[in-house]
Amino acid sequence: MAFSLIISNLCGKPVRALACAGLICVAFLPAAALDGQATVPGSEASEMRLAIEQWLDDDEEIALTSMASLARDGNPAARLMLALIDKSPPLQGPWLAHLPREERINLLRQPGGLSGRSWLHALTDQPIGAAWLSLMDPVTGPEVVMTLQELGEIRAAREAMVMLVAREHPDLRTLDPALVDPEVVYLLWRGADEDRRATLAPFLPEGSMQNALISGAVDPARLPDWLAESVTGAPLEAICSEFCAETRDSCLSGAYLALASHNALLTLGSPVEALIPQDRFLAHPRGRGSVLRRILQTHDARGRRALISQMREHDACLADILETEAARYRYRRPGSDASNGD
């Protein structure tokens, strides 16, 4: 049987071979590989463990240079980290953000084409990499969400759901809500008919933040409690408890409102939980910095200045840490202390 036909049969619909290639690698792995948290080959290397620690501590130049060397030598864990940092601007600190484009490409990608190729293309035999690669094709459906959940990549599974909703994937209309993370059921509500909503309603507790999101009646006064009750609030809790403990509630509500997207909140956190558990990521400078960076990236340079100014009336502490983080990314000409925009 032709390879494309095998893929079509396994995926349940006729598609191009490339469209499902990533998922096929997952399908042929032993069941034990999908039982709980996945492992990533290469993560046990002492050089890789050290590079991860350096990256978490915001020592980007040393950490990413080391990962790039390991990736070129065939280390799957390094390749996966570089690929996900490459695709996720909030994960990129000031050193990487200021690196010239050609140097960034050479650092984060494998050679090929005009702009290099994501290392994900070299990870089709690794389940997490294969799942992420499959998301690059719009025909990929909710099966990738299930795969990531089974691999223990819960944050990634939420991000995959957000992507599928943005694409309005038709298979979401019949997806069993019992199979997905309880924190993302509200994403299935939009576009659902009356019968479908009756199926979803039992998975949306009365008074929950998800119900508030559906109704459009999010009460700012209840945000701190909602965020404390939900595991998805952990990224905002991480910055507020670390920097603004005395004004925690107003910091939490301010950070949430500044982020301006509950969907974005779902995607914050560790790029690979098999390598860096979520709580460990958020306890380190790079983790907390990624949260602040994502908030700032909601606005352009002028909008950031306005946001910080307005935030001073809501929570001055949060305004200060956002201003400090924005300053870290301002380009400074060599030999000059003057900034050149945000």
C-alpha atoms as a PDB file:
ATOM      1  CA  MET A   1       0.000   0.000   0.000  1.00  0.00           C
ATOM      2  CA  ALA A   2       1.338   3.478  -0.858  1.00  0.00           C
ATOM      3  CA  PHE A   3       2.592   5.519   2.109  1.00  0.00           C
ATOM      4  CA  SER A   4       0.151   8.362   1.413  1.00  0.00           C
ATOM      5  CA  LEU A   5      -2.744   5.886   1.462  1.00  0.00           C
ATOM      6  CA  ILE A   6      -1.585   4.397   4.780  1.00  0.00           C
ATOM      7  CA  ILE A   7      -1.533   7.907   6.230  1.00  0.00           C
ATOM      8  CA  SER A   8      -4.975   8.687   4.829  1.00  0.00           C
ATOM      9  CA  ASN A   9      -6.444   5.562   6.394  1.00  0.00           C
ATOM     10  CA  LEU A  10      -4.865   6.169   9.807  1.00  0.00           C
ATOM     11  CA  CYS A  11      -5.911   9.813   9.904  1.00  0.00           C
ATOM     12  CA  GLY A  12      -9.458   9.012   8.894  1.00  0.00           C
ATOM     13  CA  LYS A  13      -9.584  11.255   5.854  1.00  0.00           C
ATOM     14  CA  PRO A  14      -7.670  11.616   2.583  1.00  0.00           C
ATOM     15  CA  VAL A  15      -4.873  14.109   3.146  1.00  0.00           C
ATOM     16  CA  ARG A  16      -1.439  14.786   1.786  1.00  0.00           C
ATOM     17  CA  ALA A  17       1.305  12.650   3.302  1.00  0.00           C
ATOM     18  CA  LEU A  18       3.001  15.651   4.899  1.00  0.00           C
ATOM     19  CA  ALA A  19      -0.207  16.757   6.582  1.00  0.00           C
ATOM     20  CA  CYS A  20      -0.246  13.803   8.925  1.00  0.00           C
ATOM     21  CA  ALA A  21       3.374  12.686   8.922  1.00  0.00           C
ATOM     22  CA  GLY A  22       3.999  14.044  12.407  1.00  0.00           C
ATOM     23  CA  LEU A  23       1.057  12.147  13.875  1.00  0.00           C
ATOM     24  CA  ILE A  24       2.029   8.899  12.167  1.00  0.00           C
ATOM     25  CA  CYS A  25       5.264   8.862  14.150  1.00  0.00           C
ATOM     26  CA  VAL A  26       3.177   9.155  17.317  1.00  0.00           C
ATOM     27  CA  ALA A  27       0.792   6.418  16.171  1.00  0.00           C
ATOM     28  CA  PHE A  28       3.579   3.866  15.703  1.00  0.00           C
ATOM     29  CA  LEU A  29       5.174   4.445  19.132  1.00  0.00           C
ATOM     30  CA  PRO A  30       4.635   1.838  21.865  1.00  0.00           C
ATOM     31  CA  ALA A  31       1.673   2.566  24.113  1.00  0.00           C
ATOM     32  CA  ALA A  32       4.003   3.015  27.095  1.00  0.00           C
ATOM     33  CA  ALA A  33       5.467   6.107  25.455  1.00  0.00           C
ATOM     34  CA  LEU A  34       2.071   7.802  25.755  1.00  0.00           C
ATOM     35  CA  ASP A  35       1.491   6.816  29.397  1.00  0.00           C
ATOM     36  CA  GLY A  36       1.974   9.905  31.554  1.00  0.00           C
ATOM     37  CA  GLN A  37       4.856  12.331  31.105  1.00  0.00           C
ATOM     38  CA  ALA A  38       6.956  11.699  28.014  1.00  0.00           C
ATOM     39  CA  THR A  39      10.725  11.646  28.018  1.00  0.00           C
ATOM     40  CA  VAL A  40      12.912  13.416  25.493  1.00  0.00           C
ATOM     41  CA  PRO A  41      16.169  11.716  24.432  1.00  0.00           C
ATOM     42  CA  GLY A  42      19.171  13.914  25.040  1.00  0.00           C
ATOM     43  CA  SER A  43      17.697  15.523  28.159  1.00  0.00           C
ATOM     44  CA  GLU A  44      19.954  13.368  30.320  1.00  0.00           C
ATOM     45  CA  ALA A  45      23.142  14.859  28.833  1.00  0.00           C
ATOM     46  CA  SER A  46      24.981  16.968  31.397  1.00  0.00           C
ATOM     47  CA  GLU A  47      25.574  19.714  28.822  1.00  0.00           C
ATOM     48  CA  MET A  48      21.854  19.888  28.092  1.00  0.00           C
ATOM     49  CA  ARG A  49      20.883  19.993  31.766  1.00  0.00           C
ATOM     50  CA  LEU A  50      23.346  22.820  32.325  1.00  0.00           C
ATOM     51  CA  ALA A  51      22.094  24.713  29.269  1.00  0.00           C
ATOM     52  CA  ILE A  52      18.519  24.511  30.534  1.00  0.00           C
ATOM     53  CA  GLU A  53      19.561  25.873  33.931  1.00  0.00           C
ATOM     54  CA  GLN A  54      21.439  28.722  32.273  1.00  0.00           C
ATOM     55  CA  TRP A  55      18.464  29.512  30.049  1.00  0.00           C
ATOM     56  CA  LEU A  56      16.072  29.532  33.014  1.00  0.00           C
ATOM     57  CA  ASP A  57      18.426  31.972  34.749  1.00  0.00           C
ATOM     58  CA  ASP A  58      18.286  34.246  31.678  1.00  0.00           C
ATOM     59  CA  ASP A  59      21.869  33.577  30.613  1.00  0.00           C
ATOM     60  CA  GLU A  60      20.679  33.297  27.025  1.00  0.00           C
ATOM     61  CA  GLU A  61      23.897  33.722  25.117  1.00  0.00           C
ATOM     62  CA  ILE A  62      25.694  30.847  26.824  1.00  0.00           C
ATOM     63  CA  ALA A  63      22.603  28.631  27.081  1.00  0.00           C
ATOM     64  CA  LEU A  64      21.383  28.964  23.495  1.00  0.00           C
ATOM     65  CA  THR A  65      24.867  28.750  22.021  1.00  0.00           C
ATOM     66  CA  SER A  66      25.325  25.481  23.895  1.00  0.00           C
ATOM     67  CA  MET A  67      21.920  24.166  22.784  1.00  0.00           C
ATOM     68  CA  ALA A  68      22.694  25.071  19.179  1.00  0.00           C
ATOM     69  CA  SER A  69      25.929  23.081  19.332  1.00  0.00           C
ATOM     70  CA  LEU A  70      24.097  20.110  20.876  1.00  0.00           C
ATOM     71  CA  ALA A  71      21.348  20.347  18.251  1.00  0.00           C
ATOM     72  CA  ARG A  72      23.869  20.237  15.412  1.00  0.00           C
ATOM     73  CA  ASP A  73      25.394  17.158  17.067  1.00  0.00           C
ATOM     74  CA  GLY A  74      21.995  15.425  17.009  1.00  0.00           C
ATOM     75  CA  ASN A  75      20.603  16.020  20.521  1.00  0.00           C
ATOM     76  CA  PRO A  76      16.764  15.779  20.243  1.00  0.00           C
ATOM     77  CA  ALA A  77      16.102  17.694  23.480  1.00  0.00           C
ATOM     78  CA  ALA A  78      18.191  20.646  22.274  1.00  0.00           C
ATOM     79  CA  ARG A  79      16.485  20.575  18.893  1.00  0.00           C
ATOM     80  CA  LEU A  80      13.051  20.616  20.506  1.00  0.00           C
ATOM     81  CA  MET A  81      13.903  23.496  22.824  1.00  0.00           C
ATOM     82  CA  LEU A  82      15.344  25.615  20.006  1.00  0.00           C
ATOM     83  CA  ALA A  83      12.367  24.926  17.738  1.00  0.00           C
ATOM     84  CA  LEU A  84       9.838  26.011  20.360  1.00  0.00           C
ATOM     85  CA  ILE A  85      11.833  29.068  21.442  1.00  0.00           C
ATOM     86  CA  ASP A  86      12.098  30.012  17.763  1.00  0.00           C
ATOM     87  CA  LYS A  87       8.324  29.966  17.274  1.00  0.00           C
ATOM     88  CA  SER A  88       7.417  31.677  20.569  1.00  0.00           C
ATOM     89  CA  PRO A  89       8.460  35.349  20.957  1.00  0.00           C
ATOM     90  CA  PRO A  90       7.586  35.510  24.685  1.00  0.00           C
ATOM     91  CA  LEU A  91      10.262  32.868  25.318  1.00  0.00           C
ATOM     92  CA  GLN A  92      12.921  35.056  23.717  1.00  0.00           C
ATOM     93  CA  GLY A  93      14.863  37.256  26.093  1.00  0.00           C
ATOM     94  CA  PRO A  94      16.641  40.546  25.344  1.00  0.00           C
ATOM     95  CA  TRP A  95      19.894  39.028  24.068  1.00  0.00           C
ATOM     96  CA  LEU A  96      18.080  36.874  21.524  1.00  0.00           C
ATOM     97  CA  ALA A  97      15.641  39.629  20.581  1.00  0.00           C
ATOM     98  CA  HIS A  98      18.534  41.954  19.679  1.00  0.00           C
ATOM     99  CA  LEU A  99      20.492  39.363  17.725  1.00  0.00           C
ATOM    100  CA  PRO A 100      20.726  40.133  13.963  1.00  0.00           C
ATOM    101  CA  ARG A 101      18.292  38.070  11.896  1.00  0.00           C
ATOM    102  CA  GLU A 102      20.899  35.930  10.161  1.00  0.00           C
ATOM    103  CA  GLU A 103      22.569  35.076  13.451  1.00  0.00           C
ATOM    104  CA  ARG A 104      19.217  34.193  14.999  1.00  0.00           C
ATOM    105  CA  ILE A 105      18.431  31.842  12.114  1.00  0.00           C
ATOM    106  CA  ASN A 106      21.831  30.152  12.362  1.00  0.00           C
ATOM    107  CA  LEU A 107      21.396  29.782  16.121  1.00  0.00           C
ATOM    108  CA  LEU A 108      17.826  28.473  16.301  1.00  0.00           C
ATOM    109  CA  ARG A 109      17.308  26.526  13.049  1.00  0.00           C
ATOM    110  CA  GLN A 110      18.871  23.811  10.975  1.00  0.00           C
ATOM    111  CA  PRO A 111      20.302  24.747   7.550  1.00  0.00           C
ATOM    112  CA  GLY A 112      17.940  24.653   4.587  1.00  0.00           C
ATOM    113  CA  GLY A 113      15.996  27.020   2.353  1.00  0.00           C
ATOM    114  CA  LEU A 114      16.308  30.781   2.481  1.00  0.00           C
ATOM    115  CA  SER A 115      15.671  31.119   6.215  1.00  0.00           C
ATOM    116  CA  GLY A 116      16.700  27.758   7.606  1.00  0.00           C
ATOM    117  CA  ARG A 117      14.295  25.040   8.711  1.00  0.00           C
ATOM    118  CA  SER A 118      12.728  24.436  12.081  1.00  0.00           C
ATOM    119  CA  TRP A 119      14.386  21.643  14.022  1.00  0.00           C
ATOM    120  CA  LEU A 120      10.898  20.123  14.301  1.00  0.00           C
ATOM    121  CA  HIS A 121      11.464  18.643  10.838  1.00  0.00           C
ATOM    122  CA  ALA A 122      14.292  16.589  12.322  1.00  0.00           C
ATOM    123  CA  LEU A 123      12.108  15.302  15.184  1.00  0.00           C
ATOM    124  CA  THR A 124       9.501  13.198  13.383  1.00  0.00           C
ATOM    125  CA  ASP A 125      10.650  10.159  15.381  1.00  0.00           C
ATOM    126  CA  GLN A 126      10.037  11.973  18.694  1.00  0.00           C
ATOM    127  CA  PRO A 127       6.397  12.164  19.860  1.00  0.00           C
ATOM    128  CA  ILE A 128       6.399  15.726  21.204  1.00  0.00           C
ATOM    129  CA  GLY A 129       8.261  17.099  18.199  1.00  0.00           C
ATOM    130  CA  ALA A 130       6.028  15.123  15.827  1.00  0.00           C
ATOM    131  CA  ALA A 131       2.901  16.519  17.481  1.00  0.00           C
ATOM    132  CA  TRP A 132       4.161  20.105  17.184  1.00  0.00           C
ATOM    133  CA  LEU A 133       5.143  19.520  13.561  1.00  0.00           C
ATOM    134  CA  SER A 134       1.655  18.240  12.755  1.00  0.00           C
ATOM    135  CA  LEU A 135       0.207  21.530  14.054  1.00  0.00           C
ATOM    136  CA  MET A 136       1.995  23.346  11.230  1.00  0.00           C
ATOM    137  CA  ASP A 137      -0.567  21.878   8.823  1.00  0.00           C
ATOM    138  CA  PRO A 138      -4.143  23.238   8.937  1.00  0.00           C
ATOM    139  CA  VAL A 139      -5.734  19.809   8.342  1.00  0.00           C
ATOM    140  CA  THR A 140      -4.524  18.562  11.728  1.00  0.00           C
ATOM    141  CA  GLY A 141      -7.472  18.059  14.059  1.00  0.00           C
ATOM    142  CA  PRO A 142      -8.187  17.484  17.762  1.00  0.00           C
ATOM    143  CA  GLU A 143      -6.221  14.230  17.741  1.00  0.00           C
ATOM    144  CA  VAL A 144      -3.085  16.295  18.317  1.00  0.00           C
ATOM    145  CA  VAL A 145      -4.627  17.767  21.466  1.00  0.00           C
ATOM    146  CA  MET A 146      -5.253  14.250  22.764  1.00  0.00           C
ATOM    147  CA  THR A 147      -1.693  13.233  21.908  1.00  0.00           C
ATOM    148  CA  LEU A 148      -0.144  16.168  23.756  1.00  0.00           C
ATOM    149  CA  GLN A 149      -2.342  15.524  26.795  1.00  0.00           C
ATOM    150  CA  GLU A 150      -1.309  11.861  26.849  1.00  0.00           C
ATOM    151  CA  LEU A 151       2.321  12.929  26.654  1.00  0.00           C
ATOM    152  CA  GLY A 152       1.850  15.125  29.719  1.00  0.00           C
ATOM    153  CA  GLU A 153       2.268  18.333  27.702  1.00  0.00           C
ATOM    154  CA  ILE A 154      -0.830  19.979  29.162  1.00  0.00           C
ATOM    155  CA  ARG A 155       0.137  23.578  28.387  1.00  0.00           C
ATOM    156  CA  ALA A 156       0.974  22.610  24.818  1.00  0.00           C
ATOM    157  CA  ALA A 157      -2.374  20.821  24.514  1.00  0.00           C
ATOM    158  CA  ARG A 158      -4.133  24.041  25.548  1.00  0.00           C
ATOM    159  CA  GLU A 159      -2.158  25.987  22.964  1.00  0.00           C
ATOM    160  CA  ALA A 160      -3.108  23.415  20.325  1.00  0.00           C
ATOM    161  CA  MET A 161      -6.786  23.877  21.228  1.00  0.00           C
ATOM    162  CA  VAL A 162      -6.450  27.645  20.874  1.00  0.00           C
ATOM    163  CA  MET A 163      -4.891  27.159  17.430  1.00  0.00           C
ATOM    164  CA  LEU A 164      -7.603  24.755  16.267  1.00  0.00           C
ATOM    165  CA  VAL A 165     -10.327  27.138  17.443  1.00  0.00           C
ATOM    166  CA  ALA A 166      -8.669  30.010  15.572  1.00  0.00           C
ATOM    167  CA  ARG A 167      -8.709  27.821  12.444  1.00  0.00           C
ATOM    168  CA  GLU A 168     -12.362  26.882  13.131  1.00  0.00           C
ATOM    169  CA  HIS A 169     -11.512  23.228  12.653  1.00  0.00           C
ATOM    170  CA  PRO A 170     -14.775  21.378  11.890  1.00  0.00           C
ATOM    171  CA  ASP A 171     -13.954  18.375  14.106  1.00  0.00           C
ATOM    172  CA  LEU A 172     -14.242  20.582  17.194  1.00  0.00           C
ATOM    173  CA  ARG A 173     -18.024  20.574  16.684  1.00  0.00           C
ATOM    174  CA  THR A 174     -18.225  16.933  17.722  1.00  0.00           C
ATOM    175  CA  LEU A 175     -15.285  16.678  20.112  1.00  0.00           C
ATOM    176  CA  ASP A 176     -16.260  15.029  23.399  1.00  0.00           C
ATOM    177  CA  PRO A 177     -15.719  17.687  26.114  1.00  0.00           C
ATOM    178  CA  ALA A 178     -14.849  14.923  28.584  1.00  0.00           C
ATOM    179  CA  LEU A 179     -11.658  14.283  26.611  1.00  0.00           C
ATOM    180  CA  VAL A 180     -10.170  17.769  26.868  1.00  0.00           C
ATOM    181  CA  ASP A 181      -8.615  19.775  29.681  1.00  0.00           C
ATOM    182  CA  PRO A 182     -11.484  21.136  31.835  1.00  0.00           C
ATOM    183  CA  GLU A 183      -9.975  24.629  31.490  1.00  0.00           C
ATOM    184  CA  VAL A 184     -10.611  24.819  27.726  1.00  0.00           C
ATOM    185  CA  VAL A 185     -14.198  23.598  27.375  1.00  0.00           C
ATOM    186  CA  TYR A 186     -15.427  27.172  26.839  1.00  0.00           C
ATOM    187  CA  LEU A 187     -13.501  27.209  23.555  1.00  0.00           C
ATOM    188  CA  LEU A 188     -16.000  24.694  22.148  1.00  0.00           C
ATOM    189  CA  TRP A 189     -19.000  26.943  22.888  1.00  0.00           C
ATOM    190  CA  ARG A 190     -18.545  29.436  20.072  1.00  0.00           C
ATOM    191  CA  GLY A 191     -20.512  28.400  17.000  1.00  0.00           C
ATOM    192  CA  ALA A 192     -22.176  25.481  18.820  1.00  0.00           C
ATOM    193  CA  ASP A 193     -25.887  24.935  18.236  1.00  0.00           C
ATOM    194  CA  GLU A 194     -28.452  24.514  21.017  1.00  0.00           C
ATOM    195  CA  ASP A 195     -28.025  20.743  21.283  1.00  0.00           C
ATOM    196  CA  ARG A 196     -24.246  21.019  21.359  1.00  0.00           C
ATOM    197  CA  ARG A 197     -24.373  23.659  24.085  1.00  0.00           C
ATOM    198  CA  ALA A 198     -26.586  21.392  26.160  1.00  0.00           C
ATOM    199  CA  THR A 199     -23.828  18.785  25.932  1.00  0.00           C
ATOM    200  CA  LEU A 200     -21.154  21.297  26.946  1.00  0.00           C
ATOM    201  CA  ALA A 201     -23.060  22.972  29.797  1.00  0.00           C
ATOM    202  CA  PRO A 202     -22.415  20.274  32.455  1.00  0.00           C
ATOM    203  CA  PHE A 203     -18.672  20.788  31.947  1.00  0.00           C
ATOM    204  CA  LEU A 204     -18.950  24.525  32.681  1.00  0.00           C
ATOM    205  CA  PRO A 205     -19.635  24.973  36.413  1.00  0.00           C
ATOM    206  CA  GLU A 206     -22.050  27.747  37.322  1.00  0.00           C
ATOM    207  CA  GLY A 207     -20.184  30.808  38.494  1.00  0.00           C
ATOM    208  CA  SER A 208     -16.947  29.686  36.869  1.00  0.00           C
ATOM    209  CA  MET A 209     -14.707  32.006  34.910  1.00  0.00           C
ATOM    210  CA  GLN A 210     -15.413  29.979  31.769  1.00  0.00           C
ATOM    211  CA  ASN A 211     -19.108  30.787  32.069  1.00  0.00           C
ATOM    212  CA  ALA A 212     -18.228  34.428  32.561  1.00  0.00           C
ATOM    213  CA  LEU A 213     -16.109  34.344  29.403  1.00  0.00           C
ATOM    214  CA  ILE A 214     -18.996  32.833  27.445  1.00  0.00           C
ATOM    215  CA  SER A 215     -21.499  35.399  28.699  1.00  0.00           C
ATOM    216  CA  GLY A 216     -19.074  38.295  28.330  1.00  0.00           C
ATOM    217  CA  ALA A 217     -19.686  39.263  31.955  1.00  0.00           C
ATOM    218  CA  VAL A 218     -16.201  39.021  33.452  1.00  0.00           C
ATOM    219  CA  ASP A 219     -16.233  40.849  36.794  1.00  0.00           C
ATOM    220  CA  PRO A 220     -12.811  42.471  37.462  1.00  0.00           C
ATOM    221  CA  ALA A 221     -13.472  42.254  41.204  1.00  0.00           C
ATOM    222  CA  ARG A 222     -13.690  38.453  40.980  1.00  0.00           C
ATOM    223  CA  LEU A 223     -10.587  38.015  38.845  1.00  0.00           C
ATOM    224  CA  PRO A 224      -8.146  37.330  41.723  1.00  0.00           C
ATOM    225  CA  ASP A 225     -10.350  34.520  43.070  1.00  0.00           C
ATOM    226  CA  TRP A 226     -10.995  33.069  39.615  1.00  0.00           C
ATOM    227  CA  LEU A 227      -7.308  33.088  38.769  1.00  0.00           C
ATOM    228  CA  ALA A 228      -6.396  31.513  42.102  1.00  0.00           C
ATOM    229  CA  GLU A 229      -8.902  28.694  41.517  1.00  0.00           C
ATOM    230  CA  SER A 230      -7.623  27.873  38.026  1.00  0.00           C
ATOM    231  CA  VAL A 231      -4.266  26.284  37.209  1.00  0.00           C
ATOM    232  CA  THR A 232      -4.157  28.554  34.160  1.00  0.00           C
ATOM    233  CA  GLY A 233      -3.719  31.539  36.492  1.00  0.00           C
ATOM    234  CA  ALA A 234      -0.317  30.234  37.653  1.00  0.00           C
ATOM    235  CA  PRO A 235       1.738  32.398  35.228  1.00  0.00           C
ATOM    236  CA  LEU A 236       0.156  35.598  36.566  1.00  0.00           C
ATOM    237  CA  GLU A 237       0.411  34.337  40.151  1.00  0.00           C
ATOM    238  CA  ALA A 238       4.122  33.758  39.545  1.00  0.00           C
ATOM    239  CA  ILE A 239       4.876  37.393  38.730  1.00  0.00           C
ATOM    240  CA  CYS A 240       2.538  38.895  41.314  1.00  0.00           C
ATOM    241  CA  SER A 241       3.657  36.717  44.221  1.00  0.00           C
ATOM    242  CA  GLU A 242       7.321  37.305  43.363  1.00  0.00           C
ATOM    243  CA  PHE A 243       7.261  41.043  42.709  1.00  0.00           C
ATOM    244  CA  CYS A 244       4.019  42.477  44.109  1.00  0.00           C
ATOM    245  CA  ALA A 245       2.989  40.315  47.064  1.00  0.00           C
ATOM    246  CA  GLU A 246       1.644  43.307  49.007  1.00  0.00           C
ATOM    247  CA  THR A 247      -0.737  44.208  46.174  1.00  0.00           C
ATOM    248  CA  ARG A 248      -1.331  40.654  44.910  1.00  0.00           C
ATOM    249  CA  ASP A 249      -5.040  40.990  44.098  1.00  0.00           C
ATOM    250  CA  SER A 250      -4.755  44.223  42.111  1.00  0.00           C
ATOM    251  CA  CYS A 251      -1.606  42.872  40.441  1.00  0.00           C
ATOM    252  CA  LEU A 252      -3.454  39.720  39.329  1.00  0.00           C
ATOM    253  CA  SER A 253      -6.464  41.588  37.965  1.00  0.00           C
ATOM    254  CA  GLY A 254      -4.232  44.208  36.336  1.00  0.00           C
ATOM    255  CA  ALA A 255      -2.013  41.607  34.672  1.00  0.00           C
ATOM    256  CA  TYR A 256      -5.045  39.714  33.383  1.00  0.00           C
ATOM    257  CA  LEU A 257      -6.675  42.825  31.959  1.00  0.00           C
ATOM    258  CA  ALA A 258      -3.373  43.963  30.418  1.00  0.00           C
ATOM    259  CA  LEU A 259      -2.927  40.579  28.764  1.00  0.00           C
ATOM    260  CA  ALA A 260      -6.301  41.258  27.111  1.00  0.00           C
ATOM    261  CA  SER A 261      -6.869  37.637  26.127  1.00  0.00           C
ATOM    262  CA  HIS A 262      -7.875  34.596  28.149  1.00  0.00           C
ATOM    263  CA  ASN A 263      -6.782  32.455  25.206  1.00  0.00           C
ATOM    264  CA  ALA A 264      -3.298  33.944  25.521  1.00  0.00           C
ATOM    265  CA  LEU A 265      -3.267  33.065  29.224  1.00  0.00           C
ATOM    266  CA  LEU A 266      -3.826  29.409  28.307  1.00  0.00           C
ATOM    267  CA  THR A 267      -0.620  29.356  26.261  1.00  0.00           C
ATOM    268  CA  LEU A 268       1.769  30.816  28.856  1.00  0.00           C
ATOM    269  CA  GLY A 269       4.390  28.635  30.452  1.00  0.00           C
ATOM    270  CA  SER A 270       7.032  26.000  29.844  1.00  0.00           C
ATOM    271  CA  PRO A 271       7.820  25.195  26.204  1.00  0.00           C
ATOM    272  CA  VAL A 272       8.332  21.498  27.064  1.00  0.00           C
ATOM    273  CA  GLU A 273       7.029  20.215  30.381  1.00  0.00           C
ATOM    274  CA  ALA A 274       8.946  16.951  29.895  1.00  0.00           C
ATOM    275  CA  LEU A 275      12.127  19.050  30.138  1.00  0.00           C
ATOM    276  CA  ILE A 276      10.975  21.875  32.414  1.00  0.00           C
ATOM    277  CA  PRO A 277       7.882  21.334  34.593  1.00  0.00           C
ATOM    278  CA  GLN A 278       5.519  24.302  34.604  1.00  0.00           C
ATOM    279  CA  ASP A 279       6.065  25.234  38.252  1.00  0.00           C
ATOM    280  CA  ARG A 280       9.840  25.111  37.835  1.00  0.00           C
ATOM    281  CA  PHE A 281       9.690  27.272  34.715  1.00  0.00           C
ATOM    282  CA  LEU A 282       7.562  29.931  36.398  1.00  0.00           C
ATOM    283  CA  ALA A 283       9.856  29.991  39.439  1.00  0.00           C
ATOM    284  CA  HIS A 284      12.820  31.194  37.322  1.00  0.00           C
ATOM    285  CA  PRO A 285      13.643  34.548  35.684  1.00  0.00           C
ATOM    286  CA  ARG A 286      13.064  33.332  32.110  1.00  0.00           C
ATOM    287  CA  GLY A 287       9.669  31.939  33.045  1.00  0.00           C
ATOM    288  CA  ARG A 288       8.480  35.083  34.790  1.00  0.00           C
ATOM    289  CA  GLY A 289      10.056  37.232  32.072  1.00  0.00           C
ATOM    290  CA  SER A 290       8.098  35.346  29.408  1.00  0.00           C
ATOM    291  CA  VAL A 291       4.835  36.279  31.145  1.00  0.00           C
ATOM    292  CA  LEU A 292       5.744  39.953  31.318  1.00  0.00           C
ATOM    293  CA  ARG A 293       6.971  39.889  27.723  1.00  0.00           C
ATOM    294  CA  ARG A 294       3.681  38.396  26.522  1.00  0.00           C
ATOM    295  CA  ILE A 295       1.732  41.136  28.280  1.00  0.00           C
ATOM    296  CA  LEU A 296       3.911  43.809  26.690  1.00  0.00           C
ATOM    297  CA  GLN A 297       3.614  42.219  23.242  1.00  0.00           C
ATOM    298  CA  THR A 298      -0.137  42.766  23.384  1.00  0.00           C
ATOM    299  CA  HIS A 299       0.615  46.393  22.520  1.00  0.00           C
ATOM    300  CA  ASP A 300       2.904  48.289  20.176  1.00  0.00           C
ATOM    301  CA  ALA A 301       5.585  50.632  21.551  1.00  0.00           C
ATOM    302  CA  ARG A 302       3.213  53.576  22.004  1.00  0.00           C
ATOM    303  CA  GLY A 303       0.550  51.323  23.456  1.00  0.00           C
ATOM    304  CA  ARG A 304       3.012  49.910  25.994  1.00  0.00           C
ATOM    305  CA  ARG A 305       3.785  53.377  27.306  1.00  0.00           C
ATOM    306  CA  ALA A 306       0.061  54.105  27.614  1.00  0.00           C
ATOM    307  CA  LEU A 307      -0.541  50.740  29.288  1.00  0.00           C
ATOM    308  CA  ILE A 308       2.148  51.319  31.893  1.00  0.00           C
ATOM    309  CA  SER A 309       0.895  54.838  32.565  1.00  0.00           C
ATOM    310  CA  GLN A 310      -2.678  53.643  33.034  1.00  0.00           C
ATOM    311  CA  MET A 311      -1.557  50.692  35.140  1.00  0.00           C
ATOM    312  CA  ARG A 312      -0.096  53.064  37.743  1.00  0.00           C
ATOM    313  CA  GLU A 313      -3.637  53.933  38.787  1.00  0.00           C
ATOM    314  CA  HIS A 314      -4.545  50.246  39.144  1.00  0.00           C
ATOM    315  CA  ASP A 315      -1.339  48.752  40.574  1.00  0.00           C
ATOM    316  CA  ALA A 316       1.836  50.821  40.715  1.00  0.00           C
ATOM    317  CA  CYS A 317       3.970  47.776  41.501  1.00  0.00           C
ATOM    318  CA  LEU A 318       2.869  45.959  38.340  1.00  0.00           C
ATOM    319  CA  ALA A 319       3.440  49.144  36.346  1.00  0.00           C
ATOM    320  CA  ASP A 320       7.007  49.280  37.656  1.00  0.00           C
ATOM    321  CA  ILE A 321       7.884  45.700  36.737  1.00  0.00           C
ATOM    322  CA  LEU A 322       6.350  46.087  33.277  1.00  0.00           C
ATOM    323  CA  GLU A 323       8.366  49.265  32.748  1.00  0.00           C
ATOM    324  CA  THR A 324      11.551  47.514  33.870  1.00  0.00           C
ATOM    325  CA  GLU A 325      10.884  44.583  31.547  1.00  0.00           C
ATOM    326  CA  ALA A 326      10.138  46.868  28.587  1.00  0.00           C
ATOM    327  CA  ALA A 327      13.428  48.700  29.200  1.00  0.00           C
ATOM    328  CA  ARG A 328      15.358  45.415  28.956  1.00  0.00           C
ATOM    329  CA  TYR A 329      14.249  45.045  25.347  1.00  0.00           C
ATOM    330  CA  ARG A 330      14.990  48.587  24.189  1.00  0.00           C
ATOM    331  CA  TYR A 331      17.761  48.633  21.634  1.00  0.00           C
ATOM    332  CA  ARG A 332      20.810  50.590  22.711  1.00  0.00           C
ATOM    333  CA  ARG A 333      23.419  51.622  20.174  1.00  0.00           C
ATOM    334  CA  PRO A 334      26.919  50.443  21.078  1.00  0.00           C
ATOM    335  CA  GLY A 335      28.598  53.116  23.191  1.00  0.00           C
ATOM    336  CA  SER A 336      25.321  54.890  23.885  1.00  0.00           C
ATOM    337  CA  ASP A 337      23.034  54.830  26.931  1.00  0.00           C
ATOM    338  CA  ALA A 338      20.136  56.317  25.009  1.00  0.00           C
ATOM    339  CA  SER A 339      17.274  54.008  24.054  1.00  0.00           C
ATOM    340  CA  ASN A 340      15.933  53.788  20.548  1.00  0.00           C
ATOM    341  CA  GLY A 341      12.300  52.904  21.092  1.00  0.00           C
ATOM    342  CA  ASP A 342      10.617  49.994  22.821  1.00  0.00           C
END
